[in-house]
Amino acid sequence: PEPPSGGRFRWVRGDDDAKSLARLVVGAAMPDAVVGFPVDLHAKYEANVNTALKGVAIAARRCLEDRDLHLACAPRFRDNRNELTASVYPLLERPPDPDAPDVEVLT
């Protein structure tokens, strides 16, 4: 199923860098953001997919450190399976801390 419409989207180009994509995601987390989540990053080529996912990782760390907000990323193939979309959402519930006592981590 497709995620809800709305939010931000960006085609990742060859001249994009991970920091600029991270700013797009972090901007959606701002309290006064006009356009918020989800953020969809569309990438067609291997290098662009790598850049998109690095941008998501940078944004996830910044959102956690600066806003105490956990993010989730749902990558999926588009219709032709040559393009990947990484959809970024805020987590509504805080995930369990795997280092906390009495937390069982299954692998």
Protein backbone atom coordinates (compact mmCIF):
# COMPACT_ATOMS: atom_id res chain seq x y z
CA PRO A 1 0.00 0.00 0.00
CA GLU A 2 1.07 3.55 -0.72
CA PRO A 3 1.72 5.87 2.24
CA PRO A 4 -0.59 8.83 2.84
CA SER A 5 -0.25 11.67 0.39
CA GLY A 6 1.06 15.07 1.36
CA GLY A 7 4.34 15.96 2.98
CA ARG A 8 7.55 16.76 1.16
CA PHE A 9 9.17 14.99 -1.76
CA ARG A 10 12.41 15.34 -3.65
CA TRP A 11 14.00 13.65 -6.62
CA VAL A 12 17.60 13.00 -5.59
CA ARG A 13 19.95 14.24 -8.31
CA GLY A 14 23.61 13.57 -8.93
CA ASP A 15 24.61 17.00 -7.61
CA ASP A 16 22.70 16.61 -4.32
CA ASP A 17 24.61 15.88 -1.16
CA ALA A 18 23.49 14.08 1.99
CA LYS A 19 23.59 17.23 4.14
CA SER A 20 21.12 19.10 1.91
CA LEU A 21 18.73 16.14 1.97
CA ALA A 22 19.10 15.93 5.76
CA ARG A 23 18.11 19.60 6.03
CA LEU A 24 14.94 18.82 4.03
CA VAL A 25 14.00 16.06 6.48
CA VAL A 26 14.91 18.06 9.59
CA GLY A 27 12.87 20.97 8.23
CA ALA A 28 9.78 18.76 8.23
CA ALA A 29 10.33 18.15 11.96
CA MET A 30 10.25 21.84 12.85
CA PRO A 31 7.22 22.90 14.92
CA ASP A 32 6.44 25.74 12.50
CA ALA A 33 6.90 23.66 9.33
CA VAL A 34 4.24 24.47 6.73
CA VAL A 35 4.84 21.13 5.03
CA GLY A 36 5.83 18.33 7.37
CA PHE A 37 6.00 14.55 7.17
CA PRO A 38 6.16 12.22 5.38
CA VAL A 39 9.27 13.12 3.41
CA ASP A 40 9.71 11.04 0.25
CA LEU A 41 13.13 10.88 -1.37
CA HIS A 42 13.00 9.38 -4.87
CA ALA A 43 16.24 7.97 -6.26
CA LYS A 44 16.94 6.21 -9.53
CA TYR A 45 20.64 5.43 -9.62
CA GLU A 46 22.83 3.61 -7.10
CA ALA A 47 24.80 6.73 -6.13
CA ASN A 48 21.58 8.69 -5.60
CA VAL A 49 20.12 5.92 -3.41
CA ASN A 50 23.31 6.00 -1.33
CA THR A 51 23.08 9.79 -0.98
CA ALA A 52 19.38 9.63 -0.03
CA LEU A 53 19.92 7.04 2.71
CA LYS A 54 22.94 8.90 4.09
CA GLY A 55 20.78 12.03 4.25
CA VAL A 56 18.11 10.13 6.18
CA ALA A 57 20.73 8.82 8.62
CA ILE A 58 22.11 12.33 9.23
CA ALA A 59 18.58 13.70 9.72
CA ALA A 60 17.65 10.88 12.11
CA ARG A 61 20.62 11.66 14.32
CA ARG A 62 19.97 15.42 14.27
CA CYS A 63 16.27 14.97 15.05
CA LEU A 64 17.10 12.67 17.95
CA GLU A 65 19.80 14.94 19.38
CA ASP A 66 18.09 18.30 18.80
CA ARG A 67 14.37 17.47 19.09
CA ASP A 68 14.26 14.09 20.90
CA LEU A 69 12.35 12.80 17.87
CA HIS A 70 12.89 9.31 16.49
CA LEU A 71 12.44 8.82 12.74
CA ALA A 72 11.54 5.74 10.72
CA CYS A 73 12.53 5.17 7.10
CA ALA A 74 10.52 2.87 4.83
CA PRO A 75 12.35 2.19 1.57
CA ARG A 76 10.33 0.71 -1.27
CA PHE A 77 10.64 0.14 -5.00
CA ARG A 78 8.50 2.20 -7.31
CA ASP A 79 6.39 0.60 -10.06
CA ASN A 80 9.22 -0.17 -12.46
CA ARG A 81 11.58 -1.47 -9.74
CA ASN A 82 14.40 0.68 -11.10
CA GLU A 83 13.64 3.55 -8.74
CA LEU A 84 13.62 3.53 -4.97
CA THR A 85 11.61 5.78 -2.68
CA ALA A 86 12.71 6.28 0.93
CA SER A 87 9.76 7.56 2.96
CA VAL A 88 10.64 9.17 6.30
CA TYR A 89 8.10 9.36 9.13
CA PRO A 90 8.27 10.47 12.76
CA LEU A 91 7.79 7.65 15.26
CA LEU A 92 4.79 8.36 17.44
CA GLU A 93 6.01 6.05 20.20
CA ARG A 94 9.54 6.01 21.54
CA PRO A 95 11.28 2.74 20.63
CA PRO A 96 12.63 0.63 23.49
CA ASP A 97 16.24 1.17 24.45
CA PRO A 98 18.08 -2.08 23.63
CA ASP A 99 20.69 -1.25 26.29
CA ALA A 100 18.14 -0.83 29.09
CA PRO A 101 17.96 -3.50 31.78
CA ASP A 102 15.27 -6.16 31.32
CA VAL A 103 15.00 -5.55 27.56
CA GLU A 104 15.27 -8.67 25.46
CA VAL A 105 16.67 -8.21 21.98
CA LEU A 106 15.90 -11.00 19.52
CA THR A 107 18.20 -11.53 16.57
